[in-house]
């Protein structure tokens, strides 16, 4: 069940993210900025 699936998911995530820590950090920063901008403009979005 879940433990085997979790192990497979961890290996897949490692193959995707491995060696791309800087890019992942930049992506997280950009996503955080986008979410913050959406939060600041929530009234306009509404």
ModelCIF file with pLDDT and N, C-alpha, C, O atoms, coordinates in Angstrom:
data_MODEL
#
_entry.id   MODEL 
#
_entity.id                         1 
_entity.type                       polymer 
_entity.pdbx_number_of_molecules   1 
#
_entity_poly.entity_id                      1 
_entity_poly.type                           'polypeptide(L)' 
_entity_poly.nstd_linkage                   no 
_entity_poly.nstd_monomer                   no 
_entity_poly.pdbx_seq_one_letter_code       
;(UNK)(UNK)(UNK)(UNK)(UNK)(UNK)(UNK)(UNK)(UNK)(UNK)(UNK)(UNK)(UNK)(UNK)(UNK)(UNK)
(UNK)(UNK)(UNK)(UNK)(UNK)(UNK)(UNK)(UNK)(UNK)(UNK)(UNK)(UNK)(UNK)(UNK)(UNK)(UNK)
(UNK)(UNK)(UNK)(UNK)(UNK)(UNK)(UNK)(UNK)(UNK)(UNK)(UNK)(UNK)(UNK)(UNK)
;
_entity_poly.pdbx_seq_one_letter_code_can   XXXXXXXXXXXXXXXXXXXXXXXXXXXXXXXXXXXXXXXXXXXXXX 
_entity_poly.pdbx_strand_id                 A 
#
loop_
_entity_poly_seq.entity_id 
_entity_poly_seq.num 
_entity_poly_seq.mon_id 
_entity_poly_seq.hetero 
1 1  UNK n 
1 2  UNK n 
1 3  UNK n 
1 4  UNK n 
1 5  UNK n 
1 6  UNK n 
1 7  UNK n 
1 8  UNK n 
1 9  UNK n 
1 10 UNK n 
1 11 UNK n 
1 12 UNK n 
1 13 UNK n 
1 14 UNK n 
1 15 UNK n 
1 16 UNK n 
1 17 UNK n 
1 18 UNK n 
1 19 UNK n 
1 20 UNK n 
1 21 UNK n 
1 22 UNK n 
1 23 UNK n 
1 24 UNK n 
1 25 UNK n 
1 26 UNK n 
1 27 UNK n 
1 28 UNK n 
1 29 UNK n 
1 30 UNK n 
1 31 UNK n 
1 32 UNK n 
1 33 UNK n 
1 34 UNK n 
1 35 UNK n 
1 36 UNK n 
1 37 UNK n 
1 38 UNK n 
1 39 UNK n 
1 40 UNK n 
1 41 UNK n 
1 42 UNK n 
1 43 UNK n 
1 44 UNK n 
1 45 UNK n 
1 46 UNK n 
#
_struct_asym.id          A 
_struct_asym.entity_id   1 
#
loop_
_ma_qa_metric.id 
_ma_qa_metric.mode 
_ma_qa_metric.name 
_ma_qa_metric.software_group_id 
_ma_qa_metric.type 
1 global pLDDT . pLDDT 
2 local  pLDDT . pLDDT 
#
_ma_qa_metric_global.metric_id      1 
_ma_qa_metric_global.metric_value   82.20 
_ma_qa_metric_global.model_id       1 
_ma_qa_metric_global.ordinal_id     1 
#
loop_
_ma_qa_metric_local.label_asym_id 
_ma_qa_metric_local.label_comp_id 
_ma_qa_metric_local.label_seq_id 
_ma_qa_metric_local.metric_id 
_ma_qa_metric_local.metric_value 
_ma_qa_metric_local.model_id 
_ma_qa_metric_local.ordinal_id 
A UNK 1  2 61.00 1 1  
A UNK 2  2 65.00 1 2  
A UNK 3  2 66.00 1 3  
A UNK 4  2 69.00 1 4  
A UNK 5  2 75.00 1 5  
A UNK 6  2 76.00 1 6  
A UNK 7  2 76.00 1 7  
A UNK 8  2 78.00 1 8  
A UNK 9  2 80.00 1 9  
A UNK 10 2 81.00 1 10 
A UNK 11 2 81.00 1 11 
A UNK 12 2 81.00 1 12 
A UNK 13 2 80.00 1 13 
A UNK 14 2 79.00 1 14 
A UNK 15 2 80.00 1 15 
A UNK 16 2 78.00 1 16 
A UNK 17 2 76.00 1 17 
A UNK 18 2 75.00 1 18 
A UNK 19 2 74.00 1 19 
A UNK 20 2 78.00 1 20 
A UNK 21 2 76.00 1 21 
A UNK 22 2 82.00 1 22 
A UNK 23 2 83.00 1 23 
A UNK 24 2 81.00 1 24 
A UNK 25 2 84.00 1 25 
A UNK 26 2 86.00 1 26 
A UNK 27 2 86.00 1 27 
A UNK 28 2 88.00 1 28 
A UNK 29 2 90.00 1 29 
A UNK 30 2 90.00 1 30 
A UNK 31 2 90.00 1 31 
A UNK 32 2 91.00 1 32 
A UNK 33 2 89.00 1 33 
A UNK 34 2 89.00 1 34 
A UNK 35 2 90.00 1 35 
A UNK 36 2 90.00 1 36 
A UNK 37 2 89.00 1 37 
A UNK 38 2 87.00 1 38 
A UNK 39 2 89.00 1 39 
A UNK 40 2 90.00 1 40 
A UNK 41 2 89.00 1 41 
A UNK 42 2 88.00 1 42 
A UNK 43 2 89.00 1 43 
A UNK 44 2 89.00 1 44 
A UNK 45 2 88.00 1 45 
A UNK 46 2 89.00 1 46 
#
loop_
_atom_site.group_PDB 
_atom_site.id 
_atom_site.type_symbol 
_atom_site.label_atom_id 
_atom_site.label_alt_id 
_atom_site.label_comp_id 
_atom_site.label_asym_id 
_atom_site.label_entity_id 
_atom_site.label_seq_id 
_atom_site.pdbx_PDB_ins_code 
_atom_site.Cartn_x 
_atom_site.Cartn_y 
_atom_site.Cartn_z 
_atom_site.occupancy 
_atom_site.B_iso_or_equiv 
_atom_site.pdbx_formal_charge 
_atom_site.auth_seq_id 
_atom_site.auth_comp_id 
_atom_site.auth_asym_id 
_atom_site.auth_atom_id 
_atom_site.pdbx_PDB_model_num 
ATOM 1   N N  . UNK A 1 1  ? 0.791   -1.217 0.000   1.00 61.00 ? 1  UNK A N  1 
ATOM 2   C CA . UNK A 1 1  ? 0.000   0.000  0.000   1.00 61.00 ? 1  UNK A CA 1 
ATOM 3   C C  . UNK A 1 1  ? 0.819   1.261  0.000   1.00 61.00 ? 1  UNK A C  1 
ATOM 4   O O  . UNK A 1 1  ? 1.648   1.500  -0.879  1.00 61.00 ? 1  UNK A O  1 
ATOM 5   N N  . UNK A 1 2  ? 0.558   2.079  1.035   1.00 65.00 ? 2  UNK A N  1 
ATOM 6   C CA . UNK A 1 2  ? 1.070   3.441  1.038   1.00 65.00 ? 2  UNK A CA 1 
ATOM 7   C C  . UNK A 1 2  ? 2.569   3.557  1.152   1.00 65.00 ? 2  UNK A C  1 
ATOM 8   O O  . UNK A 1 2  ? 3.160   4.450  0.544   1.00 65.00 ? 2  UNK A O  1 
ATOM 9   N N  . UNK A 1 3  ? 3.218   2.667  1.927   1.00 66.00 ? 3  UNK A N  1 
ATOM 10  C CA . UNK A 1 3  ? 4.664   2.802  2.116   1.00 66.00 ? 3  UNK A CA 1 
ATOM 11  C C  . UNK A 1 3  ? 5.396   2.576  0.804   1.00 66.00 ? 3  UNK A C  1 
ATOM 12  O O  . UNK A 1 3  ? 6.307   3.330  0.459   1.00 66.00 ? 3  UNK A O  1 
ATOM 13  N N  . UNK A 1 4  ? 4.993   1.518  0.055   1.00 69.00 ? 4  UNK A N  1 
ATOM 14  C CA . UNK A 1 4  ? 5.627   1.276  -1.240  1.00 69.00 ? 4  UNK A CA 1 
ATOM 15  C C  . UNK A 1 4  ? 5.366   2.428  -2.203  1.00 69.00 ? 4  UNK A C  1 
ATOM 16  O O  . UNK A 1 4  ? 6.271   2.867  -2.913  1.00 69.00 ? 4  UNK A O  1 
ATOM 17  N N  . UNK A 1 5  ? 4.130   2.914  -2.224  1.00 75.00 ? 5  UNK A N  1 
ATOM 18  C CA . UNK A 1 5  ? 3.816   4.049  -3.096  1.00 75.00 ? 5  UNK A CA 1 
ATOM 19  C C  . UNK A 1 5  ? 4.595   5.295  -2.676  1.00 75.00 ? 5  UNK A C  1 
ATOM 20  O O  . UNK A 1 5  ? 5.050   6.065  -3.522  1.00 75.00 ? 5  UNK A O  1 
ATOM 21  N N  . UNK A 1 6  ? 4.744   5.487  -1.361  1.00 76.00 ? 6  UNK A N  1 
ATOM 22  C CA . UNK A 1 6  ? 5.500   6.636  -0.878  1.00 76.00 ? 6  UNK A CA 1 
ATOM 23  C C  . UNK A 1 6  ? 6.964   6.536  -1.264  1.00 76.00 ? 6  UNK A C  1 
ATOM 24  O O  . UNK A 1 6  ? 7.586   7.539  -1.612  1.00 76.00 ? 6  UNK A O  1 
ATOM 25  N N  . UNK A 1 7  ? 7.522   5.323  -1.204  1.00 76.00 ? 7  UNK A N  1 
ATOM 26  C CA . UNK A 1 7  ? 8.905   5.136  -1.620  1.00 76.00 ? 7  UNK A CA 1 
ATOM 27  C C  . UNK A 1 7  ? 9.081   5.431  -3.106  1.00 76.00 ? 7  UNK A C  1 
ATOM 28  O O  . UNK A 1 7  ? 10.043  6.086  -3.507  1.00 76.00 ? 7  UNK A O  1 
ATOM 29  N N  . UNK A 1 8  ? 8.143   4.943  -3.922  1.00 78.00 ? 8  UNK A N  1 
ATOM 30  C CA . UNK A 1 8  ? 8.217   5.213  -5.356  1.00 78.00 ? 8  UNK A CA 1 
ATOM 31  C C  . UNK A 1 8  ? 8.062   6.703  -5.640  1.00 78.00 ? 8  UNK A C  1 
ATOM 32  O O  . UNK A 1 8  ? 8.761   7.261  -6.485  1.00 78.00 ? 8  UNK A O  1 
ATOM 33  N N  . UNK A 1 9  ? 7.145   7.334  -4.930  1.00 80.00 ? 9  UNK A N  1 
ATOM 34  C CA . UNK A 1 9  ? 6.943   8.766  -5.115  1.00 80.00 ? 9  UNK A CA 1 
ATOM 35  C C  . UNK A 1 9  ? 8.194   9.548  -4.728  1.00 80.00 ? 9  UNK A C  1 
ATOM 36  O O  . UNK A 1 9  ? 8.550   10.525 -5.386  1.00 80.00 ? 9  UNK A O  1 
ATOM 37  N N  . UNK A 1 10 ? 8.861   9.114  -3.653  1.00 81.00 ? 10 UNK A N  1 
ATOM 38  C CA . UNK A 1 10 ? 10.086  9.800  -3.229  1.00 81.00 ? 10 UNK A CA 1 
ATOM 39  C C  . UNK A 1 10 ? 11.183  9.670  -4.273  1.00 81.00 ? 10 UNK A C  1 
ATOM 40  O O  . UNK A 1 10 ? 11.886  10.638 -4.562  1.00 81.00 ? 10 UNK A O  1 
ATOM 41  N N  . UNK A 1 11 ? 11.334  8.464  -4.845  1.00 81.00 ? 11 UNK A N  1 
ATOM 42  C CA . UNK A 1 11 ? 12.350  8.276  -5.881  1.00 81.00 ? 11 UNK A CA 1 
ATOM 43  C C  . UNK A 1 11 ? 12.041  9.097  -7.124  1.00 81.00 ? 11 UNK A C  1 
ATOM 44  O O  . UNK A 1 11 ? 12.946  9.665  -7.735  1.00 81.00 ? 11 UNK A O  1 
ATOM 45  N N  . UNK A 1 12 ? 10.772  9.161  -7.500  1.00 81.00 ? 12 UNK A N  1 
ATOM 46  C CA . UNK A 1 12 ? 10.393  9.969  -8.659  1.00 81.00 ? 12 UNK A CA 1 
ATOM 47  C C  . UNK A 1 12 ? 10.668  11.452 -8.415  1.00 81.00 ? 12 UNK A C  1 
ATOM 48  O O  . UNK A 1 12 ? 11.175  12.152 -9.292  1.00 81.00 ? 12 UNK A O  1 
ATOM 49  N N  . UNK A 1 13 ? 10.329  11.920 -7.217  1.00 80.00 ? 13 UNK A N  1 
ATOM 50  C CA . UNK A 1 13 ? 10.609  13.315 -6.889  1.00 80.00 ? 13 UNK A CA 1 
ATOM 51  C C  . UNK A 1 13 ? 12.104  13.596 -6.884  1.00 80.00 ? 13 UNK A C  1 
ATOM 52  O O  . UNK A 1 13 ? 12.537  14.675 -7.288  1.00 80.00 ? 13 UNK A O  1 
ATOM 53  N N  . UNK A 1 14 ? 12.897  12.626 -6.427  1.00 79.00 ? 14 UNK A N  1 
ATOM 54  C CA . UNK A 1 14 ? 14.342  12.812 -6.428  1.00 79.00 ? 14 UNK A CA 1 
ATOM 55  C C  . UNK A 1 14 ? 14.880  12.898 -7.847  1.00 79.00 ? 14 UNK A C  1 
ATOM 56  O O  . UNK A 1 14 ? 15.772  13.698 -8.130  1.00 79.00 ? 14 UNK A O  1 
ATOM 57  N N  . UNK A 1 15 ? 14.325  12.053 -8.765  1.00 80.00 ? 15 UNK A N  1 
ATOM 58  C CA . UNK A 1 15 ? 14.772  12.126 -10.163 1.00 80.00 ? 15 UNK A CA 1 
ATOM 59  C C  . UNK A 1 15 ? 14.373  13.424 -10.835 1.00 80.00 ? 15 UNK A C  1 
ATOM 60  O O  . UNK A 1 15 ? 15.056  13.896 -11.744 1.00 80.00 ? 15 UNK A O  1 
ATOM 61  N N  . UNK A 1 16 ? 13.251  14.011 -10.384 1.00 78.00 ? 16 UNK A N  1 
ATOM 62  C CA . UNK A 1 16 ? 12.806  15.271 -10.989 1.00 78.00 ? 16 UNK A CA 1 
ATOM 63  C C  . UNK A 1 16 ? 13.576  16.460 -10.439 1.00 78.00 ? 16 UNK A C  1 
ATOM 64  O O  . UNK A 1 16 ? 13.988  17.349 -11.184 1.00 78.00 ? 16 UNK A O  1 
ATOM 65  N N  . UNK A 1 17 ? 13.766  16.465 -9.127  1.00 76.00 ? 17 UNK A N  1 
ATOM 66  C CA . UNK A 1 17 ? 14.341  17.638 -8.476  1.00 76.00 ? 17 UNK A CA 1 
ATOM 67  C C  . UNK A 1 17 ? 15.849  17.520 -8.330  1.00 76.00 ? 17 UNK A C  1 
ATOM 68  O O  . UNK A 1 17 ? 16.534  18.526 -8.149  1.00 76.00 ? 17 UNK A O  1 
ATOM 69  N N  . UNK A 1 18 ? 16.388  16.272 -8.410  1.00 75.00 ? 18 UNK A N  1 
ATOM 70  C CA . UNK A 1 18 ? 17.812  16.090 -8.153  1.00 75.00 ? 18 UNK A CA 1 
ATOM 71  C C  . UNK A 1 18 ? 18.687  16.945 -9.056  1.00 75.00 ? 18 UNK A C  1 
ATOM 72  O O  . UNK A 1 18 ? 18.546  16.913 -10.279 1.00 75.00 ? 18 UNK A O  1 
ATOM 73  N N  . UNK A 1 19 ? 19.593  17.711 -8.450  1.00 74.00 ? 19 UNK A N  1 
ATOM 74  C CA . UNK A 1 19 ? 20.491  18.573 -9.200  1.00 74.00 ? 19 UNK A CA 1 
ATOM 75  C C  . UNK A 1 19 ? 19.875  19.865 -9.673  1.00 74.00 ? 19 UNK A C  1 
ATOM 76  O O  . UNK A 1 19 ? 20.532  20.633 -10.376 1.00 74.00 ? 19 UNK A O  1 
ATOM 77  N N  . UNK A 1 20 ? 18.628  20.132 -9.309  1.00 78.00 ? 20 UNK A N  1 
ATOM 78  C CA . UNK A 1 20 ? 17.956  21.358 -9.748  1.00 78.00 ? 20 UNK A CA 1 
ATOM 79  C C  . UNK A 1 20 ? 17.446  22.145 -8.543  1.00 78.00 ? 20 UNK A C  1 
ATOM 80  O O  . UNK A 1 20 ? 16.368  22.738 -8.581  1.00 78.00 ? 20 UNK A O  1 
ATOM 81  N N  . UNK A 1 21 ? 18.222  22.138 -7.500  1.00 76.00 ? 21 UNK A N  1 
ATOM 82  C CA . UNK A 1 21 ? 17.796  22.827 -6.287  1.00 76.00 ? 21 UNK A CA 1 
ATOM 83  C C  . UNK A 1 21 ? 17.605  24.314 -6.493  1.00 76.00 ? 21 UNK A C  1 
ATOM 84  O O  . UNK A 1 21 ? 16.632  24.887 -6.001  1.00 76.00 ? 21 UNK A O  1 
ATOM 85  N N  . UNK A 1 22 ? 18.534  24.961 -7.228  1.00 82.00 ? 22 UNK A N  1 
ATOM 86  C CA . UNK A 1 22 ? 18.421  26.406 -7.451  1.00 82.00 ? 22 UNK A CA 1 
ATOM 87  C C  . UNK A 1 22 ? 17.169  26.730 -8.264  1.00 82.00 ? 22 UNK A C  1 
ATOM 88  O O  . UNK A 1 22 ? 16.446  27.678 -7.959  1.00 82.00 ? 22 UNK A O  1 
ATOM 89  N N  . UNK A 1 23 ? 16.923  25.923 -9.310  1.00 83.00 ? 23 UNK A N  1 
ATOM 90  C CA . UNK A 1 23 ? 15.731  26.174 -10.125 1.00 83.00 ? 23 UNK A CA 1 
ATOM 91  C C  . UNK A 1 23 ? 14.456  25.968 -9.308  1.00 83.00 ? 23 UNK A C  1 
ATOM 92  O O  . UNK A 1 23 ? 13.497  26.730 -9.422  1.00 83.00 ? 23 UNK A O  1 
ATOM 93  N N  . UNK A 1 24 ? 14.468  24.915 -8.479  1.00 81.00 ? 24 UNK A N  1 
ATOM 94  C CA . UNK A 1 24 ? 13.288  24.662 -7.661  1.00 81.00 ? 24 UNK A CA 1 
ATOM 95  C C  . UNK A 1 24 ? 13.060  25.800 -6.662  1.00 81.00 ? 24 UNK A C  1 
ATOM 96  O O  . UNK A 1 24 ? 11.925  26.221 -6.440  1.00 81.00 ? 24 UNK A O  1 
ATOM 97  N N  . UNK A 1 25 ? 14.148  26.295 -6.062  1.00 84.00 ? 25 UNK A N  1 
ATOM 98  C CA . UNK A 1 25 ? 14.016  27.416 -5.127  1.00 84.00 ? 25 UNK A CA 1 
ATOM 99  C C  . UNK A 1 25 ? 13.481  28.656 -5.837  1.00 84.00 ? 25 UNK A C  1 
ATOM 100 O O  . UNK A 1 25 ? 12.629  29.367 -5.305  1.00 84.00 ? 25 UNK A O  1 
ATOM 101 N N  . UNK A 1 26 ? 13.998  28.911 -7.061  1.00 86.00 ? 26 UNK A N  1 
ATOM 102 C CA . UNK A 1 26 ? 13.505  30.064 -7.828  1.00 86.00 ? 26 UNK A CA 1 
ATOM 103 C C  . UNK A 1 26 ? 12.030  29.894 -8.170  1.00 86.00 ? 26 UNK A C  1 
ATOM 104 O O  . UNK A 1 26 ? 11.254  30.846 -8.099  1.00 86.00 ? 26 UNK A O  1 
ATOM 105 N N  . UNK A 1 27 ? 11.644  28.651 -8.549  1.00 86.00 ? 27 UNK A N  1 
ATOM 106 C CA . UNK A 1 27 ? 10.240  28.399 -8.876  1.00 86.00 ? 27 UNK A CA 1 
ATOM 107 C C  . UNK A 1 27 ? 9.355   28.614 -7.663  1.00 86.00 ? 27 UNK A C  1 
ATOM 108 O O  . UNK A 1 27 ? 8.276   29.198 -7.774  1.00 86.00 ? 27 UNK A O  1 
ATOM 109 N N  . UNK A 1 28 ? 9.804   28.147 -6.507  1.00 88.00 ? 28 UNK A N  1 
ATOM 110 C CA . UNK A 1 28 ? 9.004   28.335 -5.291  1.00 88.00 ? 28 UNK A CA 1 
ATOM 111 C C  . UNK A 1 28 ? 8.883   29.810 -4.958  1.00 88.00 ? 28 UNK A C  1 
ATOM 112 O O  . UNK A 1 28 ? 7.822   30.267 -4.533  1.00 88.00 ? 28 UNK A O  1 
ATOM 113 N N  . UNK A 1 29 ? 9.981   30.570 -5.150  1.00 90.00 ? 29 UNK A N  1 
ATOM 114 C CA . UNK A 1 29 ? 9.939   32.019 -4.894  1.00 90.00 ? 29 UNK A CA 1 
ATOM 115 C C  . UNK A 1 29 ? 8.946   32.710 -5.824  1.00 90.00 ? 29 UNK A C  1 
ATOM 116 O O  . UNK A 1 29 ? 8.158   33.554 -5.399  1.00 90.00 ? 29 UNK A O  1 
ATOM 117 N N  . UNK A 1 30 ? 9.002   32.334 -7.109  1.00 90.00 ? 30 UNK A N  1 
ATOM 118 C CA . UNK A 1 30 ? 8.066   32.946 -8.065  1.00 90.00 ? 30 UNK A CA 1 
ATOM 119 C C  . UNK A 1 30 ? 6.624   32.589 -7.734  1.00 90.00 ? 30 UNK A C  1 
ATOM 120 O O  . UNK A 1 30 ? 5.735   33.438 -7.803  1.00 90.00 ? 30 UNK A O  1 
ATOM 121 N N  . UNK A 1 31 ? 6.393   31.327 -7.374  1.00 90.00 ? 31 UNK A N  1 
ATOM 122 C CA . UNK A 1 31 ? 5.030   30.922 -7.029  1.00 90.00 ? 31 UNK A CA 1 
ATOM 123 C C  . UNK A 1 31 ? 4.556   31.643 -5.775  1.00 90.00 ? 31 UNK A C  1 
ATOM 124 O O  . UNK A 1 31 ? 3.389   32.018 -5.662  1.00 90.00 ? 31 UNK A O  1 
ATOM 125 N N  . UNK A 1 32 ? 5.484   31.832 -4.826  1.00 91.00 ? 32 UNK A N  1 
ATOM 126 C CA . UNK A 1 32 ? 5.111   32.576 -3.621  1.00 91.00 ? 32 UNK A CA 1 
ATOM 127 C C  . UNK A 1 32 ? 4.736   34.010 -3.969  1.00 91.00 ? 32 UNK A C  1 
ATOM 128 O O  . UNK A 1 32 ? 3.771   34.554 -3.431  1.00 91.00 ? 32 UNK A O  1 
ATOM 129 N N  . UNK A 1 33 ? 5.511   34.627 -4.881  1.00 89.00 ? 33 UNK A N  1 
ATOM 130 C CA . UNK A 1 33 ? 5.184   35.985 -5.304  1.00 89.00 ? 33 UNK A CA 1 
ATOM 131 C C  . UNK A 1 33 ? 3.842   36.061 -6.004  1.00 89.00 ? 33 UNK A C  1 
ATOM 132 O O  . UNK A 1 33 ? 3.064   36.990 -5.783  1.00 89.00 ? 33 UNK A O  1 
ATOM 133 N N  . UNK A 1 34 ? 3.575   35.068 -6.858  1.00 89.00 ? 34 UNK A N  1 
ATOM 134 C CA . UNK A 1 34 ? 2.288   35.063 -7.575  1.00 89.00 ? 34 UNK A CA 1 
ATOM 135 C C  . UNK A 1 34 ? 1.130   34.919 -6.602  1.00 89.00 ? 34 UNK A C  1 
ATOM 136 O O  . UNK A 1 34 ? 0.124   35.621 -6.701  1.00 89.00 ? 34 UNK A O  1 
ATOM 137 N N  . UNK A 1 35 ? 1.293   33.985 -5.649  1.00 90.00 ? 35 UNK A N  1 
ATOM 138 C CA . UNK A 1 35 ? 0.226   33.785 -4.668  1.00 90.00 ? 35 UNK A CA 1 
ATOM 139 C C  . UNK A 1 35 ? 0.038   35.034 -3.825  1.00 90.00 ? 35 UNK A C  1 
ATOM 140 O O  . UNK A 1 35 ? -1.091  35.420 -3.522  1.00 90.00 ? 35 UNK A O  1 
ATOM 141 N N  . UNK A 1 36 ? 1.157   35.678 -3.439  1.00 90.00 ? 36 UNK A N  1 
ATOM 142 C CA . UNK A 1 36 ? 1.038   36.921 -2.675  1.00 90.00 ? 36 UNK A CA 1 
ATOM 143 C C  . UNK A 1 36 ? 0.351   38.022 -3.460  1.00 90.00 ? 36 UNK A C  1 
ATOM 144 O O  . UNK A 1 36 ? -0.468  38.765 -2.919  1.00 90.00 ? 36 UNK A O  1 
ATOM 145 N N  . UNK A 1 37 ? 0.695   38.127 -4.768  1.00 89.00 ? 37 UNK A N  1 
ATOM 146 C CA . UNK A 1 37 ? 0.041   39.134 -5.603  1.00 89.00 ? 37 UNK A CA 1 
ATOM 147 C C  . UNK A 1 37 ? -1.444  38.862 -5.738  1.00 89.00 ? 37 UNK A C  1 
ATOM 148 O O  . UNK A 1 37 ? -2.258  39.782 -5.674  1.00 89.00 ? 37 UNK A O  1 
ATOM 149 N N  . UNK A 1 38 ? -1.801  37.584 -5.928  1.00 87.00 ? 38 UNK A N  1 
ATOM 150 C CA . UNK A 1 38 ? -3.222  37.244 -5.998  1.00 87.00 ? 38 UNK A CA 1 
ATOM 151 C C  . UNK A 1 38 ? -3.928  37.560 -4.683  1.00 87.00 ? 38 UNK A C  1 
ATOM 152 O O  . UNK A 1 38 ? -5.074  38.011 -4.670  1.00 87.00 ? 38 UNK A O  1 
ATOM 153 N N  . UNK A 1 39 ? -3.228  37.316 -3.581  1.00 89.00 ? 39 UNK A N  1 
ATOM 154 C CA . UNK A 1 39 ? -3.826  37.611 -2.280  1.00 89.00 ? 39 UNK A CA 1 
ATOM 155 C C  . UNK A 1 39 ? -4.023  39.114 -2.099  1.00 89.00 ? 39 UNK A C  1 
ATOM 156 O O  . UNK A 1 39 ? -5.041  39.557 -1.568  1.00 89.00 ? 39 UNK A O  1 
ATOM 157 N N  . UNK A 1 40 ? -3.033  39.896 -2.549  1.00 90.00 ? 40 UNK A N  1 
ATOM 158 C CA . UNK A 1 40 ? -3.160  41.354 -2.430  1.00 90.00 ? 40 UNK A CA 1 
ATOM 159 C C  . UNK A 1 40 ? -4.270  41.906 -3.314  1.00 90.00 ? 40 UNK A C  1 
ATOM 160 O O  . UNK A 1 40 ? -4.904  42.908 -2.984  1.00 90.00 ? 40 UNK A O  1 
ATOM 161 N N  . UNK A 1 41 ? -4.497  41.236 -4.446  1.00 89.00 ? 41 UNK A N  1 
ATOM 162 C CA . UNK A 1 41 ? -5.518  41.718 -5.386  1.00 89.00 ? 41 UNK A CA 1 
ATOM 163 C C  . UNK A 1 41 ? -6.763  40.848 -5.350  1.00 89.00 ? 41 UNK A C  1 
ATOM 164 O O  . UNK A 1 41 ? -7.481  40.731 -6.343  1.00 89.00 ? 41 UNK A O  1 
ATOM 165 N N  . UNK A 1 42 ? -7.010  40.240 -4.198  1.00 88.00 ? 42 UNK A N  1 
ATOM 166 C CA . UNK A 1 42 ? -8.169  39.356 -4.109  1.00 88.00 ? 42 UNK A CA 1 
ATOM 167 C C  . UNK A 1 42 ? -9.476  40.099 -4.351  1.00 88.00 ? 42 UNK A C  1 
ATOM 168 O O  . UNK A 1 42 ? -10.412 39.566 -4.947  1.00 88.00 ? 42 UNK A O  1 
ATOM 169 N N  . UNK A 1 43 ? -9.521  41.353 -3.871  1.00 89.00 ? 43 UNK A N  1 
ATOM 170 C CA . UNK A 1 43 ? -10.754 42.119 -4.083  1.00 89.00 ? 43 UNK A CA 1 
ATOM 171 C C  . UNK A 1 43 ? -10.982 42.396 -5.557  1.00 89.00 ? 43 UNK A C  1 
ATOM 172 O O  . UNK A 1 43 ? -12.112 42.316 -6.039  1.00 89.00 ? 43 UNK A O  1 
ATOM 173 N N  . UNK A 1 44 ? -9.901  42.726 -6.287  1.00 89.00 ? 44 UNK A N  1 
ATOM 174 C CA . UNK A 1 44 ? -10.036 42.966 -7.723  1.00 89.00 ? 44 UNK A CA 1 
ATOM 175 C C  . UNK A 1 44 ? -10.401 41.680 -8.453  1.00 89.00 ? 44 UNK A C  1 
ATOM 176 O O  . UNK A 1 44 ? -11.207 41.697 -9.384  1.00 89.00 ? 44 UNK A O  1 
ATOM 177 N N  . UNK A 1 45 ? -9.806  40.560 -8.030  1.00 88.00 ? 45 UNK A N  1 
ATOM 178 C CA . UNK A 1 45 ? -10.147 39.282 -8.648  1.00 88.00 ? 45 UNK A CA 1 
ATOM 179 C C  . UNK A 1 45 ? -11.627 38.967 -8.415  1.00 88.00 ? 45 UNK A C  1 
ATOM 180 O O  . UNK A 1 45 ? -12.326 38.508 -9.318  1.00 88.00 ? 45 UNK A O  1 
ATOM 181 N N  . UNK A 1 46 ? -12.091 39.223 -7.185  1.00 89.00 ? 46 UNK A N  1 
ATOM 182 C CA . UNK A 1 46 ? -13.517 38.999 -6.900  1.00 89.00 ? 46 UNK A CA 1 
ATOM 183 C C  . UNK A 1 46 ? -14.392 39.896 -7.767  1.00 89.00 ? 46 UNK A C  1 
ATOM 184 O O  . UNK A 1 46 ? -15.618 39.846 -7.667  1.00 89.00 ? 46 UNK A O  1 
#
